Amino acid sequence: MVESARMASRGSALVHCSAGIGRSGTFVALENLVFQAKANNWEEVDPLKVVSSLRNQRPGMVQTASQYEMIYDVLIM
């Protein structure tokens, strides 16, 4: 849904939760990982590398273990 809305507007998506790092970080990580997976034929995605990169840009991205687990759960689907 987000991808189709972004394509229709030809712009960027803005996502933000209350602190801007937990749920937003999870969403941004998933967006990056799905894009990466599609580009690599759904092989060799590295959630740890993506989350680490996000945390270098904004500390605290993906705050909880359950958010990190969700990233893996979505990628497995």
N, C-alpha and C. Protein backbone atom coordinates (compact mmCIF):
# COMPACT_ATOMS: atom_id res chain seq x y z
N MET A 1 0.83 -1.17 0.00
CA MET A 1 0.00 0.00 0.00
C MET A 1 0.89 1.26 0.00
N VAL A 2 1.90 1.26 0.84
CA VAL A 2 2.78 2.42 0.91
C VAL A 2 3.53 2.60 -0.41
N GLU A 3 4.00 1.49 -0.97
CA GLU A 3 4.74 1.57 -2.23
C GLU A 3 3.86 2.12 -3.35
N SER A 4 2.62 1.66 -3.44
CA SER A 4 1.73 2.16 -4.50
C SER A 4 1.40 3.64 -4.28
N ALA A 5 1.23 4.06 -3.05
CA ALA A 5 0.96 5.47 -2.76
C ALA A 5 2.18 6.32 -3.11
N ARG A 6 3.37 5.81 -2.80
CA ARG A 6 4.59 6.54 -3.12
C ARG A 6 4.76 6.67 -4.63
N MET A 7 4.47 5.61 -5.36
CA MET A 7 4.59 5.64 -6.82
C MET A 7 3.58 6.62 -7.43
N ALA A 8 2.37 6.63 -6.89
CA ALA A 8 1.34 7.53 -7.40
C ALA A 8 1.70 9.00 -7.18
N SER A 9 2.34 9.29 -6.06
CA SER A 9 2.70 10.67 -5.77
C SER A 9 4.09 11.04 -6.28
N ARG A 10 4.85 10.02 -6.65
CA ARG A 10 6.23 10.21 -7.13
C ARG A 10 7.10 10.96 -6.13
N GLY A 11 6.83 10.71 -4.88
CA GLY A 11 7.60 11.36 -3.83
C GLY A 11 8.03 10.37 -2.78
N SER A 12 8.50 10.89 -1.68
CA SER A 12 8.95 10.06 -0.57
C SER A 12 7.82 9.89 0.43
N ALA A 13 7.94 8.83 1.22
CA ALA A 13 6.97 8.61 2.29
C ALA A 13 7.56 9.15 3.59
N LEU A 14 6.72 9.71 4.40
CA LEU A 14 7.13 10.19 5.72
C LEU A 14 6.46 9.30 6.76
N VAL A 15 7.26 8.68 7.60
CA VAL A 15 6.73 7.84 8.67
C VAL A 15 7.27 8.34 10.00
N HIS A 16 6.43 8.30 11.01
CA HIS A 16 6.87 8.78 12.31
C HIS A 16 5.96 8.22 13.40
N CYS A 17 6.57 7.65 14.43
CA CYS A 17 5.81 7.22 15.61
C CYS A 17 6.07 8.25 16.70
N SER A 18 5.66 7.98 17.90
CA SER A 18 5.78 8.98 18.96
C SER A 18 7.22 9.45 19.19
N ALA A 19 8.17 8.53 19.30
CA ALA A 19 9.56 8.91 19.51
C ALA A 19 10.34 8.98 18.20
N GLY A 20 9.79 8.37 17.16
CA GLY A 20 10.45 8.42 15.86
C GLY A 20 11.57 7.41 15.69
N ILE A 21 11.64 6.40 16.57
CA ILE A 21 12.74 5.44 16.44
C ILE A 21 12.31 3.98 16.51
N GLY A 22 11.31 3.66 17.30
CA GLY A 22 10.91 2.26 17.49
C GLY A 22 10.11 1.72 16.33
N ARG A 23 8.84 2.08 16.29
CA ARG A 23 7.97 1.60 15.21
C ARG A 23 8.39 2.18 13.87
N SER A 24 8.80 3.45 13.87
CA SER A 24 9.28 4.06 12.62
C SER A 24 10.53 3.35 12.13
N GLY A 25 11.43 3.07 13.03
CA GLY A 25 12.66 2.36 12.66
C GLY A 25 12.38 0.98 12.10
N THR A 26 11.41 0.30 12.70
CA THR A 26 11.01 -1.02 12.22
C THR A 26 10.46 -0.93 10.81
N PHE A 27 9.60 0.05 10.57
CA PHE A 27 9.02 0.25 9.25
C PHE A 27 10.09 0.58 8.22
N VAL A 28 10.98 1.49 8.55
CA VAL A 28 12.04 1.90 7.62
C VAL A 28 12.98 0.73 7.34
N ALA A 29 13.32 -0.03 8.36
CA ALA A 29 14.18 -1.20 8.16
C ALA A 29 13.51 -2.19 7.20
N LEU A 30 12.22 -2.44 7.42
CA LEU A 30 11.50 -3.36 6.54
C LEU A 30 11.43 -2.84 5.11
N GLU A 31 11.18 -1.57 4.94
CA GLU A 31 11.15 -0.99 3.60
C GLU A 31 12.50 -1.21 2.89
N ASN A 32 13.58 -0.93 3.61
CA ASN A 32 14.92 -1.12 3.04
C ASN A 32 15.18 -2.59 2.72
N LEU A 33 14.82 -3.47 3.61
CA LEU A 33 15.09 -4.89 3.43
C LEU A 33 14.26 -5.49 2.31
N VAL A 34 13.00 -5.10 2.19
CA VAL A 34 12.17 -5.62 1.10
C VAL A 34 12.69 -5.11 -0.23
N PHE A 35 13.07 -3.84 -0.30
CA PHE A 35 13.65 -3.29 -1.53
C PHE A 35 14.92 -4.07 -1.90
N GLN A 36 15.77 -4.29 -0.90
CA GLN A 36 17.02 -5.04 -1.10
C GLN A 36 16.73 -6.47 -1.55
N ALA A 37 15.75 -7.09 -0.93
CA ALA A 37 15.40 -8.47 -1.28
C ALA A 37 14.88 -8.57 -2.71
N LYS A 38 14.03 -7.64 -3.10
CA LYS A 38 13.51 -7.65 -4.48
C LYS A 38 14.65 -7.46 -5.48
N ALA A 39 15.58 -6.59 -5.16
CA ALA A 39 16.72 -6.33 -6.06
C ALA A 39 17.65 -7.53 -6.17
N ASN A 40 17.70 -8.35 -5.11
CA ASN A 40 18.60 -9.51 -5.08
C ASN A 40 17.85 -10.83 -5.23
N ASN A 41 16.67 -10.79 -5.85
CA ASN A 41 15.88 -12.00 -6.06
C ASN A 41 15.59 -12.73 -4.75
N TRP A 42 15.32 -11.97 -3.71
CA TRP A 42 14.96 -12.48 -2.38
C TRP A 42 16.07 -13.32 -1.75
N GLU A 43 17.30 -12.97 -2.05
CA GLU A 43 18.43 -13.63 -1.43
C GLU A 43 19.34 -12.61 -0.78
N GLU A 44 20.04 -13.05 0.24
CA GLU A 44 21.07 -12.26 0.91
C GLU A 44 20.61 -10.90 1.42
N VAL A 45 19.62 -10.92 2.28
CA VAL A 45 19.28 -9.70 3.00
C VAL A 45 19.89 -9.82 4.39
N ASP A 46 20.29 -8.71 4.95
CA ASP A 46 20.98 -8.72 6.24
C ASP A 46 20.32 -7.72 7.19
N PRO A 47 19.31 -8.18 7.94
CA PRO A 47 18.62 -7.28 8.87
C PRO A 47 19.55 -6.59 9.87
N LEU A 48 20.51 -7.32 10.40
CA LEU A 48 21.43 -6.72 11.36
C LEU A 48 22.20 -5.56 10.74
N LYS A 49 22.67 -5.74 9.53
CA LYS A 49 23.41 -4.68 8.84
C LYS A 49 22.53 -3.46 8.59
N VAL A 50 21.29 -3.69 8.16
CA VAL A 50 20.37 -2.58 7.89
C VAL A 50 20.04 -1.83 9.18
N VAL A 51 19.71 -2.56 10.24
CA VAL A 51 19.38 -1.91 11.52
C VAL A 51 20.60 -1.17 12.06
N SER A 52 21.77 -1.76 11.95
CA SER A 52 23.00 -1.08 12.40
C SER A 52 23.22 0.22 11.64
N SER A 53 23.00 0.17 10.33
CA SER A 53 23.14 1.38 9.51
C SER A 53 22.15 2.45 9.93
N LEU A 54 20.91 2.05 10.18
CA LEU A 54 19.91 3.00 10.65
C LEU A 54 20.30 3.61 11.99
N ARG A 55 20.83 2.76 12.87
CA ARG A 55 21.23 3.25 14.20
C ARG A 55 22.43 4.19 14.13
N ASN A 56 23.26 4.05 13.11
CA ASN A 56 24.36 4.99 12.92
C ASN A 56 23.82 6.36 12.53
N GLN A 57 22.68 6.37 11.84
CA GLN A 57 22.08 7.63 11.41
C GLN A 57 21.18 8.24 12.49
N ARG A 58 20.53 7.36 13.25
CA ARG A 58 19.64 7.81 14.32
C ARG A 58 19.65 6.76 15.43
N PRO A 59 20.33 7.01 16.51
CA PRO A 59 20.44 6.03 17.60
C PRO A 59 19.06 5.58 18.11
N GLY A 60 18.98 4.29 18.39
CA GLY A 60 17.76 3.74 18.97
C GLY A 60 16.77 3.17 17.98
N MET A 61 17.06 3.30 16.69
CA MET A 61 16.13 2.75 15.70
C MET A 61 15.92 1.27 15.97
N VAL A 62 14.67 0.83 15.93
CA VAL A 62 14.25 -0.52 16.28
C VAL A 62 14.61 -0.74 17.75
N GLN A 63 13.70 -0.35 18.61
CA GLN A 63 13.97 -0.29 20.05
C GLN A 63 13.90 -1.62 20.78
N THR A 64 12.94 -2.46 20.44
CA THR A 64 12.70 -3.64 21.27
C THR A 64 13.00 -4.93 20.52
N ALA A 65 13.17 -5.98 21.29
CA ALA A 65 13.39 -7.30 20.70
C ALA A 65 12.19 -7.72 19.85
N SER A 66 10.99 -7.39 20.29
CA SER A 66 9.80 -7.78 19.52
C SER A 66 9.74 -7.05 18.18
N GLN A 67 10.22 -5.82 18.13
CA GLN A 67 10.28 -5.10 16.86
C GLN A 67 11.30 -5.75 15.93
N TYR A 68 12.42 -6.14 16.48
CA TYR A 68 13.46 -6.81 15.69
C TYR A 68 12.95 -8.17 15.20
N GLU A 69 12.24 -8.88 16.07
CA GLU A 69 11.66 -10.17 15.69
C GLU A 69 10.64 -9.99 14.56
N MET A 70 9.88 -8.91 14.63
CA MET A 70 8.88 -8.66 13.59
C MET A 70 9.54 -8.50 12.23
N ILE A 71 10.69 -7.87 12.20
CA ILE A 71 11.43 -7.72 10.94
C ILE A 71 11.70 -9.10 10.35
N TYR A 72 12.19 -10.00 11.15
CA TYR A 72 12.46 -11.36 10.66
C TYR A 72 11.17 -12.07 10.26
N ASP A 73 10.12 -11.92 11.06
CA ASP A 73 8.85 -12.57 10.75
C ASP A 73 8.30 -12.11 9.40
N VAL A 74 8.36 -10.82 9.14
CA VAL A 74 7.85 -10.29 7.87
C VAL A 74 8.70 -10.80 6.71
N LEU A 75 10.00 -10.84 6.89
CA LEU A 75 10.87 -11.30 5.80
C LEU A 75 10.66 -12.78 5.50
N ILE A 76 10.31 -13.55 6.51
CA ILE A 76 10.09 -14.98 6.31
C ILE A 76 8.80 -15.24 5.53
N MET A 77 7.83 -14.37 5.72
CA MET A 77 6.54 -14.55 5.04
C MET A 77 6.76 -14.51 3.59
